């Protein structure tokens, strides 16, 4: 937001950078065919949908090519269903503000595909799909911020695990429509436009390191605008 705003650029509530470790849990649901995948999608907890659509980005953040979520990956490599994999990969998670809506879209994509390709529903996959979720263990860091400069420096210095926790994992806690960084920038510093720019970063076409660089660049530019207008 431009420097003509009335709100001060010193936060009342500091931003505490946390990191996290994730304990993977394999659920009771599994799929050996597309029909079983569809059945599992209807009953697994929200945390499992989040795990397979978002959470695995932490493990594969350095991969620039391939399918964007576990469902698409399995449909391609284990079921040899390229068309379905492409449709599942085409689901833009930024369009959803709830896991429930995202779940329904995944189900819809598979249902429509199986209506047109009925013979594939019961075909055995090369590998079983195991529905998983993860428990988060929060790990505090020594980095905090009360202004944009300290916040930018924190972004530069924290680990990628911290970037993932605040930028990706946070979406499950606050129902997918934002992230911890944007929430703090908007609520504590009044930097609505910068918060929106953070939210617009595409996590699927960027590595976590590239996400970090984009945020640092945006924050540095905002700091420059504030200093120039002071």
Protein backbone atom coordinates (compact mmCIF):
# COMPACT_ATOMS: atom_id res chain seq x y z
CA UNK A 1 0.00 0.00 0.00
CA UNK A 2 1.30 3.50 -0.75
CA UNK A 3 2.89 5.62 1.95
CA UNK A 4 -0.05 8.03 2.11
CA UNK A 5 -1.89 5.51 4.28
CA UNK A 6 -2.70 6.66 7.80
CA UNK A 7 -1.74 3.44 9.57
CA UNK A 8 1.83 3.31 10.95
CA UNK A 9 4.34 0.83 9.58
CA UNK A 10 5.23 -0.54 13.01
CA UNK A 11 3.23 -3.56 14.07
CA UNK A 12 1.63 -3.86 17.51
CA UNK A 13 1.94 -7.63 17.23
CA UNK A 14 5.28 -8.94 16.05
CA UNK A 15 5.57 -11.62 13.42
CA UNK A 16 7.24 -14.71 14.84
CA UNK A 17 8.85 -16.90 12.21
CA UNK A 18 8.26 -20.55 12.98
CA UNK A 19 9.49 -23.67 11.28
CA UNK A 20 7.88 -27.10 11.37
CA UNK A 21 8.41 -30.80 11.04
CA UNK A 22 5.72 -33.08 9.67
CA UNK A 23 4.92 -36.57 10.89
CA UNK A 24 3.35 -38.47 8.01
CA UNK A 25 0.40 -40.72 8.88
CA UNK A 26 -0.90 -43.37 6.50
CA UNK A 27 -4.67 -43.62 6.75
CA UNK A 28 -6.88 -46.70 6.47
CA UNK A 29 -8.14 -45.75 3.00
CA UNK A 30 -6.23 -46.88 -0.05
CA UNK A 31 -6.90 -47.27 -3.76
CA UNK A 32 -5.93 -49.95 -6.24
CA UNK A 33 -8.13 -48.55 -9.01
CA UNK A 34 -9.67 -45.24 -10.02
CA UNK A 35 -13.02 -46.34 -8.59
CA UNK A 36 -11.39 -46.98 -5.23
CA UNK A 37 -9.63 -43.61 -5.43
CA UNK A 38 -13.02 -42.00 -5.99
CA UNK A 39 -14.52 -43.87 -3.03
CA UNK A 40 -11.65 -42.80 -0.80
CA UNK A 41 -11.89 -39.16 -1.81
CA UNK A 42 -15.46 -39.05 -0.50
CA UNK A 43 -14.56 -40.13 3.04
CA UNK A 44 -10.97 -39.16 3.88
CA UNK A 45 -10.46 -36.23 6.28
CA UNK A 46 -9.73 -32.73 5.02
CA UNK A 47 -6.13 -33.08 6.17
CA UNK A 48 -5.63 -35.89 3.66
CA UNK A 49 -6.90 -33.77 0.75
CA UNK A 50 -4.57 -30.99 1.87
CA UNK A 51 -1.65 -33.41 2.17
CA UNK A 52 -1.95 -34.66 -1.39
CA UNK A 53 -2.78 -31.29 -2.97
CA UNK A 54 -0.41 -29.03 -0.98
CA UNK A 55 1.77 -30.61 1.63
CA UNK A 56 3.95 -32.70 -0.64
CA UNK A 57 5.26 -29.47 -2.16
CA UNK A 58 7.65 -29.38 0.81
CA UNK A 59 9.17 -32.70 -0.21
CA UNK A 60 9.34 -31.92 -3.94
CA UNK A 61 9.73 -28.13 -3.90
CA UNK A 62 12.83 -28.33 -6.09
CA UNK A 63 11.03 -30.11 -8.95
CA UNK A 64 9.99 -27.75 -11.74
CA UNK A 65 8.43 -30.34 -14.03
CA UNK A 66 5.82 -33.03 -13.56
CA UNK A 67 2.34 -33.13 -12.13
CA UNK A 68 1.28 -30.67 -9.49
CA UNK A 69 -0.40 -32.99 -6.98
CA UNK A 70 -0.30 -36.60 -5.83
CA UNK A 71 -3.62 -37.55 -7.41
CA UNK A 72 -2.48 -36.43 -10.85
CA UNK A 73 0.89 -38.09 -10.37
CA UNK A 74 -0.71 -41.44 -9.45
CA UNK A 75 -3.24 -41.28 -12.29
CA UNK A 76 -0.38 -40.88 -14.76
CA UNK A 77 2.34 -43.15 -13.43
CA UNK A 78 0.29 -45.92 -11.81
CA UNK A 79 -2.88 -45.89 -13.93
CA UNK A 80 -1.44 -44.70 -17.26
CA UNK A 81 -4.35 -42.27 -17.63
CA UNK A 82 -2.71 -39.22 -19.13
CA UNK A 83 -5.98 -37.42 -19.83
CA UNK A 84 -7.16 -37.74 -16.25
CA UNK A 85 -3.77 -36.76 -14.89
CA UNK A 86 -3.81 -33.58 -16.95
CA UNK A 87 -7.31 -32.71 -15.75
CA UNK A 88 -6.36 -33.27 -12.12
CA UNK A 89 -3.17 -31.27 -12.55
CA UNK A 90 -5.26 -28.48 -14.08
CA UNK A 91 -7.15 -27.87 -10.83
CA UNK A 92 -6.01 -24.42 -9.72
CA UNK A 93 -5.91 -24.52 -5.93
CA UNK A 94 -5.91 -20.72 -5.77
CA UNK A 95 -9.55 -20.72 -6.86
CA UNK A 96 -10.71 -22.46 -3.69
CA UNK A 97 -11.33 -21.12 -0.21
CA UNK A 98 -12.35 -24.41 1.36
CA UNK A 99 -11.15 -27.99 1.33
CA UNK A 100 -14.75 -29.12 0.84
CA UNK A 101 -15.04 -27.27 -2.48
CA UNK A 102 -11.65 -28.54 -3.62
CA UNK A 103 -12.61 -32.10 -2.71
CA UNK A 104 -15.83 -31.82 -4.71
CA UNK A 105 -13.94 -30.56 -7.76
CA UNK A 106 -11.49 -33.47 -7.62
CA UNK A 107 -14.41 -35.90 -7.35
CA UNK A 108 -16.20 -34.20 -10.24
CA UNK A 109 -13.15 -34.44 -12.49
CA UNK A 110 -12.75 -38.16 -11.83
CA UNK A 111 -16.48 -38.91 -12.13
CA UNK A 112 -16.72 -37.17 -15.50
CA UNK A 113 -13.63 -38.95 -16.75
CA UNK A 114 -14.95 -42.37 -15.72
CA UNK A 115 -18.29 -41.72 -17.42
CA UNK A 116 -16.43 -41.30 -20.69
CA UNK A 117 -13.94 -44.10 -19.98
CA UNK A 118 -15.96 -46.73 -18.10
CA UNK A 119 -13.46 -49.55 -18.71
CA UNK A 120 -10.80 -47.76 -16.67
CA UNK A 121 -12.75 -47.60 -13.41
CA UNK A 122 -11.94 -51.11 -12.16
CA UNK A 123 -8.57 -51.54 -13.87
CA UNK A 124 -5.86 -52.38 -11.34
CA UNK A 125 -3.18 -49.76 -10.87
CA UNK A 126 0.50 -50.61 -11.02
CA UNK A 127 0.92 -49.28 -7.48
CA UNK A 128 -1.51 -48.77 -4.62
CA UNK A 129 -2.39 -45.22 -3.64
CA UNK A 130 -2.26 -44.68 0.14
CA UNK A 131 -4.22 -41.75 1.52
CA UNK A 132 -2.00 -39.91 3.97
CA UNK A 133 -2.07 -36.86 6.17
CA UNK A 134 0.49 -35.30 8.49
CA UNK A 135 0.76 -33.98 12.03
CA UNK A 136 2.57 -30.67 12.34
CA UNK A 137 5.24 -30.12 14.99
CA UNK A 138 5.90 -26.37 15.26
CA UNK A 139 9.53 -25.36 15.85
CA UNK A 140 10.18 -21.74 16.93
CA UNK A 141 13.03 -19.79 15.34
CA UNK A 142 14.93 -16.78 16.66
CA UNK A 143 13.59 -14.47 13.94
CA UNK A 144 10.84 -11.93 14.64
CA UNK A 145 9.65 -8.71 13.00
CA UNK A 146 7.74 -5.57 13.94
CA UNK A 147 8.36 -3.65 10.72
CA UNK A 148 8.76 -4.38 7.04
CA UNK A 149 12.56 -4.20 7.08
CA UNK A 150 12.87 -6.82 9.83
CA UNK A 151 10.24 -8.94 8.11
CA UNK A 152 12.18 -8.84 4.84
CA UNK A 153 15.39 -9.82 6.60
CA UNK A 154 13.59 -12.69 8.27
CA UNK A 155 12.37 -13.93 4.89
CA UNK A 156 15.97 -13.92 3.65
CA UNK A 157 17.37 -15.88 6.59
CA UNK A 158 14.81 -18.48 7.66
CA UNK A 159 14.86 -22.00 6.29
CA UNK A 160 12.62 -23.23 3.50
CA UNK A 161 10.77 -25.25 6.15
CA UNK A 162 9.69 -21.92 7.65
CA UNK A 163 8.61 -20.58 4.25
CA UNK A 164 6.54 -23.72 3.72
CA UNK A 165 4.95 -23.54 7.18
CA UNK A 166 3.83 -19.92 6.87
CA UNK A 167 3.04 -19.85 3.16
CA UNK A 168 1.61 -23.30 2.41
CA UNK A 169 0.74 -25.13 5.62
CA UNK A 170 -1.01 -22.00 6.90
CA UNK A 171 -3.64 -22.37 4.18
CA UNK A 172 -5.20 -25.33 5.97
CA UNK A 173 -5.35 -23.38 9.24
CA UNK A 174 -6.96 -20.33 7.65
CA UNK A 175 -9.11 -22.19 5.12
CA UNK A 176 -6.94 -21.78 2.01
CA UNK A 177 -7.75 -18.16 1.31
CA UNK A 178 -4.49 -16.64 2.51
CA UNK A 179 -1.19 -17.30 4.29
CA UNK A 180 0.48 -16.14 7.50
CA UNK A 181 2.66 -13.57 5.76
CA UNK A 182 -0.22 -11.87 3.96
CA UNK A 183 -2.39 -11.92 7.08
CA UNK A 184 0.27 -10.11 9.11
CA UNK A 185 1.15 -7.60 6.40
CA UNK A 186 -2.50 -6.63 6.03
CA UNK A 187 -3.63 -6.73 9.65
CA UNK A 188 -0.53 -5.32 11.37
CA UNK A 189 1.09 -3.04 8.79
CA UNK A 190 -1.91 -2.15 6.64
CA UNK A 191 -0.05 -3.22 3.49
CA UNK A 192 -3.05 -4.64 1.69
CA UNK A 193 -1.58 -4.49 -1.81
CA UNK A 194 1.65 -6.18 -0.75
CA UNK A 195 -0.39 -8.86 1.01
CA UNK A 196 -2.36 -9.44 -2.18
CA UNK A 197 0.85 -9.75 -4.20
CA UNK A 198 2.10 -12.41 -1.80
CA UNK A 199 -1.15 -14.32 -2.17
CA UNK A 200 -0.88 -14.17 -5.96
CA UNK A 201 2.44 -16.07 -6.02
CA UNK A 202 1.94 -19.37 -7.83
CA UNK A 203 3.27 -22.11 -5.56
CA UNK A 204 2.93 -24.76 -8.25
CA UNK A 205 5.16 -23.20 -10.88
CA UNK A 206 7.81 -22.04 -8.40
CA UNK A 207 10.24 -23.78 -6.10
CA UNK A 208 10.10 -22.72 -2.45
CA UNK A 209 13.39 -20.89 -2.92
CA UNK A 210 11.89 -18.99 -5.83
CA UNK A 211 8.83 -18.21 -3.70
CA UNK A 212 11.19 -16.77 -1.09
CA UNK A 213 12.99 -14.64 -3.67
CA UNK A 214 9.70 -13.32 -5.04
CA UNK A 215 8.52 -12.30 -1.56
CA UNK A 216 11.83 -10.65 -0.70
CA UNK A 217 11.80 -8.71 -3.98
CA UNK A 218 8.21 -7.56 -3.41
CA UNK A 219 8.94 -6.53 0.18
CA UNK A 220 12.11 -4.66 -0.84
CA UNK A 221 10.19 -2.79 -3.52
CA UNK A 222 7.53 -1.81 -0.99
CA UNK A 223 10.18 -0.60 1.45
CA UNK A 224 11.70 1.53 -1.30
CA UNK A 225 8.33 3.10 -2.07
CA UNK A 226 7.80 3.96 1.59
CA UNK A 227 11.28 5.53 1.96
CA UNK A 228 10.90 7.51 -1.25
CA UNK A 229 7.59 8.97 -0.14
CA UNK A 230 8.71 9.76 3.41
